[in-house]
C-alpha cells in the first residue's frame, strides 16, 4: 500500500510535516514527544533527520521575521518627533553582590 499526503507539497516537502514540527515546538516539545503522539494515533512519523531539517527551516523563518520586525520598529522610533533620553549605568556597580538599586 502506497502512502499518500493530504496536504500539497511545497519545495519537495509536505507542509503537514512542517506544521507538526511547528506545533510541537510551540508546546515546548521535540522529536520524541511527536513520535509518541503519532504512534498513539497510529500514524506514520518522520525520522529524526527530517524533523531537524524542518526545525532548521522554521528557525530561519523566525530569524528573518525577527530581523524584519526589529528593523520596522527601529524605523518607527527614528521617525518620532520627540526624542527622549535614558540614563544608563555603565560603571558595573550593578554587578556587585550588595548592589541596591535607587531606581526600583
N, C-alpha and C. Protein backbone atom coordinates (compact mmCIF):
# COMPACT_ATOMS: atom_id res chain seq x y z
N UNK A 1 0.85 -1.18 0.00
CA UNK A 1 0.00 0.00 0.00
C UNK A 1 0.89 1.24 0.00
N UNK A 2 0.70 2.09 -0.94
CA UNK A 2 1.50 3.30 -1.06
C UNK A 2 0.93 4.39 -0.16
N UNK A 3 1.84 5.20 0.37
CA UNK A 3 1.42 6.30 1.22
C UNK A 3 0.85 7.44 0.39
N UNK A 4 0.14 8.31 1.03
CA UNK A 4 -0.42 9.47 0.35
C UNK A 4 -0.33 10.66 1.29
N UNK A 5 -0.44 11.82 0.72
CA UNK A 5 -0.39 13.04 1.51
C UNK A 5 -1.71 13.78 1.38
N UNK A 6 -2.13 14.37 2.47
CA UNK A 6 -3.39 15.11 2.45
C UNK A 6 -3.15 16.61 2.27
N UNK A 7 -1.89 17.02 2.23
CA UNK A 7 -1.56 18.43 2.03
C UNK A 7 -0.65 18.55 0.82
N UNK A 8 -0.70 19.69 0.15
CA UNK A 8 0.16 19.86 -1.03
C UNK A 8 1.64 19.96 -0.64
N UNK A 9 2.51 19.55 -1.55
CA UNK A 9 3.94 19.65 -1.31
C UNK A 9 4.42 21.05 -1.66
N UNK A 10 5.29 21.57 -0.83
CA UNK A 10 5.90 22.87 -1.05
C UNK A 10 7.40 22.67 -1.00
N UNK A 11 8.09 22.97 -2.07
CA UNK A 11 9.54 22.78 -2.17
C UNK A 11 9.94 21.35 -1.86
N UNK A 12 9.24 20.41 -2.42
CA UNK A 12 9.50 18.97 -2.30
C UNK A 12 9.30 18.42 -0.88
N UNK A 13 8.63 19.16 -0.01
CA UNK A 13 8.32 18.67 1.33
C UNK A 13 6.84 18.88 1.61
N UNK A 14 6.30 18.04 2.45
CA UNK A 14 4.90 18.17 2.83
C UNK A 14 4.76 19.25 3.89
N UNK A 15 3.83 20.14 3.69
CA UNK A 15 3.64 21.22 4.66
C UNK A 15 3.09 20.67 5.98
N UNK A 16 2.48 19.50 5.95
CA UNK A 16 1.96 18.90 7.17
C UNK A 16 3.09 18.58 8.15
N UNK A 17 4.23 18.13 7.63
CA UNK A 17 5.37 17.85 8.49
C UNK A 17 5.89 19.12 9.15
N UNK A 18 5.94 20.20 8.38
CA UNK A 18 6.39 21.47 8.93
C UNK A 18 5.41 21.96 10.00
N UNK A 19 4.13 21.80 9.74
CA UNK A 19 3.13 22.21 10.73
C UNK A 19 3.21 21.37 11.99
N UNK A 20 3.50 20.08 11.84
CA UNK A 20 3.66 19.21 13.00
C UNK A 20 4.84 19.67 13.85
N UNK A 21 5.97 19.93 13.22
CA UNK A 21 7.15 20.39 13.94
C UNK A 21 6.88 21.73 14.60
N UNK A 22 6.22 22.63 13.88
CA UNK A 22 5.89 23.95 14.43
C UNK A 22 5.00 23.83 15.66
N UNK A 23 3.98 23.01 15.58
CA UNK A 23 3.08 22.82 16.72
C UNK A 23 3.78 22.22 17.92
N UNK A 24 4.63 21.25 17.68
CA UNK A 24 5.37 20.64 18.79
C UNK A 24 6.32 21.64 19.43
N UNK A 25 7.00 22.45 18.62
CA UNK A 25 7.93 23.43 19.18
C UNK A 25 7.19 24.53 19.93
N UNK A 26 5.98 24.88 19.48
CA UNK A 26 5.18 25.87 20.21
C UNK A 26 4.82 25.37 21.60
N UNK A 27 4.60 24.06 21.72
CA UNK A 27 4.27 23.46 23.01
C UNK A 27 5.50 23.17 23.85
N UNK A 28 6.68 23.41 23.29
CA UNK A 28 7.90 23.13 24.01
C UNK A 28 8.30 21.67 23.97
N UNK A 29 7.82 20.95 22.99
CA UNK A 29 8.12 19.52 22.84
C UNK A 29 9.01 19.31 21.64
N UNK A 30 9.59 18.12 21.56
CA UNK A 30 10.51 17.82 20.48
C UNK A 30 10.15 16.56 19.74
N UNK A 31 11.19 15.92 19.20
CA UNK A 31 11.00 14.76 18.34
C UNK A 31 10.35 13.58 19.06
N UNK A 32 10.83 13.27 20.26
CA UNK A 32 10.30 12.08 20.96
C UNK A 32 8.83 12.25 21.32
N UNK A 33 8.42 13.46 21.70
CA UNK A 33 7.01 13.69 22.01
C UNK A 33 6.15 13.57 20.75
N UNK A 34 6.67 14.05 19.63
CA UNK A 34 5.94 13.92 18.37
C UNK A 34 5.82 12.47 17.94
N UNK A 35 6.89 11.70 18.15
CA UNK A 35 6.85 10.29 17.79
C UNK A 35 5.83 9.55 18.66
N UNK A 36 5.80 9.85 19.95
CA UNK A 36 4.83 9.21 20.84
C UNK A 36 3.40 9.57 20.43
N UNK A 37 3.18 10.84 20.10
CA UNK A 37 1.85 11.28 19.69
C UNK A 37 1.39 10.56 18.43
N UNK A 38 2.24 10.54 17.43
CA UNK A 38 1.86 9.92 16.16
C UNK A 38 1.72 8.40 16.28
N UNK A 39 2.54 7.77 17.11
CA UNK A 39 2.40 6.33 17.32
C UNK A 39 1.10 6.02 18.06
N UNK A 40 0.72 6.88 19.00
CA UNK A 40 -0.53 6.70 19.72
C UNK A 40 -1.72 6.82 18.77
N UNK A 41 -1.61 7.73 17.82
CA UNK A 41 -2.68 7.92 16.83
C UNK A 41 -2.58 6.94 15.66
N UNK A 42 -1.58 6.06 15.72
CA UNK A 42 -1.35 5.05 14.68
C UNK A 42 -1.11 5.71 13.32
N UNK A 43 -0.28 6.76 13.34
CA UNK A 43 0.09 7.47 12.12
C UNK A 43 1.60 7.33 11.90
N UNK A 44 2.04 7.37 10.67
CA UNK A 44 3.48 7.29 10.41
C UNK A 44 4.17 8.57 10.89
N UNK A 45 5.35 8.42 11.44
CA UNK A 45 6.08 9.57 11.94
C UNK A 45 7.30 9.82 11.08
N UNK A 46 7.83 11.03 11.16
CA UNK A 46 9.01 11.41 10.37
C UNK A 46 10.26 10.98 11.11
N UNK A 47 11.34 10.77 10.37
CA UNK A 47 12.59 10.39 11.01
C UNK A 47 13.21 11.62 11.67
N UNK A 48 14.18 11.38 12.54
CA UNK A 48 14.77 12.46 13.31
C UNK A 48 15.49 13.47 12.41
N UNK A 49 16.13 12.99 11.36
CA UNK A 49 16.83 13.88 10.43
C UNK A 49 15.85 14.84 9.76
N UNK A 50 14.73 14.32 9.31
CA UNK A 50 13.71 15.15 8.67
C UNK A 50 13.15 16.16 9.67
N UNK A 51 12.93 15.71 10.90
CA UNK A 51 12.43 16.60 11.95
C UNK A 51 13.38 17.77 12.15
N UNK A 52 14.69 17.48 12.23
CA UNK A 52 15.69 18.53 12.44
C UNK A 52 15.76 19.48 11.24
N UNK A 53 15.59 18.95 10.04
CA UNK A 53 15.59 19.81 8.85
C UNK A 53 14.43 20.80 8.91
N UNK A 54 13.26 20.32 9.32
CA UNK A 54 12.11 21.21 9.44
C UNK A 54 12.32 22.22 10.56
N UNK A 55 12.97 21.81 11.65
CA UNK A 55 13.29 22.75 12.73
C UNK A 55 14.20 23.86 12.23
N UNK A 56 15.21 23.49 11.44
CA UNK A 56 16.14 24.50 10.92
C UNK A 56 15.44 25.45 9.95
N UNK A 57 14.52 24.94 9.15
CA UNK A 57 13.76 25.81 8.25
C UNK A 57 12.90 26.79 9.04
N UNK A 58 12.28 26.30 10.11
CA UNK A 58 11.48 27.19 10.96
C UNK A 58 12.36 28.21 11.65
N UNK A 59 13.56 27.80 12.07
CA UNK A 59 14.48 28.73 12.72
C UNK A 59 14.87 29.85 11.77
N UNK A 60 15.16 29.53 10.52
CA UNK A 60 15.50 30.55 9.54
C UNK A 60 14.34 31.52 9.33
N UNK A 61 13.13 30.99 9.27
CA UNK A 61 11.95 31.85 9.07
C UNK A 61 11.74 32.77 10.27
N UNK A 62 11.94 32.24 11.47
CA UNK A 62 11.77 33.05 12.68
C UNK A 62 12.84 34.13 12.75
N UNK A 63 14.08 33.78 12.43
CA UNK A 63 15.15 34.78 12.44
C UNK A 63 14.85 35.91 11.45
N UNK A 64 14.42 35.54 10.25
CA UNK A 64 14.09 36.55 9.24
C UNK A 64 12.97 37.45 9.73
N UNK A 65 11.94 36.86 10.29
CA UNK A 65 10.80 37.63 10.79
C UNK A 65 11.22 38.57 11.91
N UNK A 66 12.05 38.08 12.82
CA UNK A 66 12.52 38.92 13.93
C UNK A 66 13.34 40.10 13.43
N UNK A 67 14.22 39.84 12.47
CA UNK A 67 15.03 40.92 11.92
C UNK A 67 14.17 41.97 11.24
N UNK A 68 13.18 41.54 10.47
CA UNK A 68 12.31 42.49 9.78
C UNK A 68 11.48 43.30 10.78
N UNK A 69 10.97 42.65 11.82
CA UNK A 69 10.19 43.37 12.83
C UNK A 69 11.05 44.36 13.59
N UNK A 70 12.29 43.97 13.89
CA UNK A 70 13.20 44.87 14.60
C UNK A 70 13.55 46.08 13.73
N UNK A 71 13.78 45.85 12.45
CA UNK A 71 14.08 46.96 11.53
C UNK A 71 12.89 47.92 11.45
N UNK A 72 11.69 47.36 11.34
CA UNK A 72 10.49 48.21 11.26
C UNK A 72 10.29 49.00 12.55
N UNK A 73 10.54 48.37 13.69
CA UNK A 73 10.38 49.07 14.97
C UNK A 73 11.42 50.18 15.11
N UNK A 74 12.65 49.93 14.67
CA UNK A 74 13.68 50.97 14.78
C UNK A 74 13.37 52.15 13.86
N UNK A 75 12.80 51.87 12.69
CA UNK A 75 12.40 52.97 11.80
C UNK A 75 11.28 53.79 12.41
N UNK A 76 10.35 53.13 13.09
CA UNK A 76 9.27 53.85 13.77
C UNK A 76 9.83 54.75 14.86
N UNK A 77 10.79 54.24 15.62
CA UNK A 77 11.38 55.03 16.70
C UNK A 77 12.16 56.20 16.13
N UNK A 78 12.86 56.00 15.03
CA UNK A 78 13.62 57.09 14.41
C UNK A 78 12.71 58.18 13.86
N UNK A 79 11.50 57.83 13.51
CA UNK A 79 10.56 58.81 12.94
C UNK A 79 9.82 59.62 14.00
N UNK A 80 9.99 59.30 15.27
CA UNK A 80 9.34 60.08 16.32
C UNK A 80 9.88 61.50 16.30
N UNK A 81 9.00 62.46 16.52
CA UNK A 81 9.41 63.87 16.56
C UNK A 81 10.09 64.20 17.89
N UNK A 82 9.54 63.67 18.96
CA UNK A 82 10.06 63.98 20.29
C UNK A 82 11.06 62.90 20.68
N UNK A 83 12.25 63.31 21.04
CA UNK A 83 13.26 62.35 21.47
C UNK A 83 13.34 62.35 22.99
N UNK A 84 13.63 61.21 23.54
CA UNK A 84 13.77 61.09 24.99
C UNK A 84 15.17 60.61 25.30
N UNK A 85 15.62 60.94 26.49
CA UNK A 85 16.93 60.48 26.92
C UNK A 85 16.75 59.44 28.00
N UNK A 86 17.65 58.53 28.04
CA UNK A 86 17.58 57.45 29.01
C UNK A 86 18.97 57.26 29.59
N UNK A 87 19.09 57.43 30.89
CA UNK A 87 20.38 57.25 31.54
C UNK A 87 20.70 55.78 31.73
N UNK A 88 21.94 55.42 31.46
CA UNK A 88 22.37 54.03 31.57
C UNK A 88 23.61 53.98 32.44
N UNK A 89 23.63 53.06 33.40
CA UNK A 89 24.79 52.86 34.26
C UNK A 89 25.76 51.92 33.56
N UNK A 90 26.95 52.42 33.28
CA UNK A 90 27.95 51.59 32.60
C UNK A 90 29.19 51.37 33.45
N UNK A 91 29.13 51.74 34.73
CA UNK A 91 30.31 51.58 35.58
C UNK A 91 30.40 50.21 36.23
N UNK A 92 29.39 49.36 36.05
CA UNK A 92 29.45 48.00 36.57
C UNK A 92 29.05 47.86 38.02
N UNK A 93 28.48 48.90 38.65
CA UNK A 93 28.12 48.79 40.06
C UNK A 93 26.99 47.80 40.28
N UNK A 94 26.16 47.57 39.29
CA UNK A 94 25.05 46.64 39.44
C UNK A 94 25.54 45.20 39.52
N UNK A 95 26.80 44.96 39.17
CA UNK A 95 27.32 43.60 39.20
C UNK A 95 27.80 43.19 40.60
N UNK A 96 27.89 44.12 41.50
CA UNK A 96 28.38 43.80 42.84
C UNK A 96 27.30 43.08 43.64
N UNK A 97 27.74 42.32 44.61
CA UNK A 97 26.84 41.49 45.39
C UNK A 97 25.84 42.31 46.21
N UNK A 98 26.28 43.39 46.80
CA UNK A 98 25.42 44.17 47.69
C UNK A 98 24.81 45.39 46.99
N UNK A 99 24.65 45.33 45.69
CA UNK A 99 24.11 46.47 44.94
C UNK A 99 22.65 46.70 45.32
N UNK A 100 22.33 47.94 45.65
CA UNK A 100 20.96 48.34 45.94
C UNK A 100 20.55 49.37 44.89
N UNK A 101 19.53 49.06 44.14
CA UNK A 101 19.09 49.96 43.08
C UNK A 101 18.35 51.14 43.68
N UNK A 102 18.67 52.32 43.20
CA UNK A 102 17.98 53.53 43.66
C UNK A 102 16.76 53.82 42.80
N UNK A 103 16.61 53.09 41.70
CA UNK A 103 15.52 53.36 40.77
C UNK A 103 14.40 52.33 40.87
N UNK A 104 14.43 51.43 41.81
CA UNK A 104 13.34 50.48 41.93
C UNK A 104 13.72 49.10 41.92
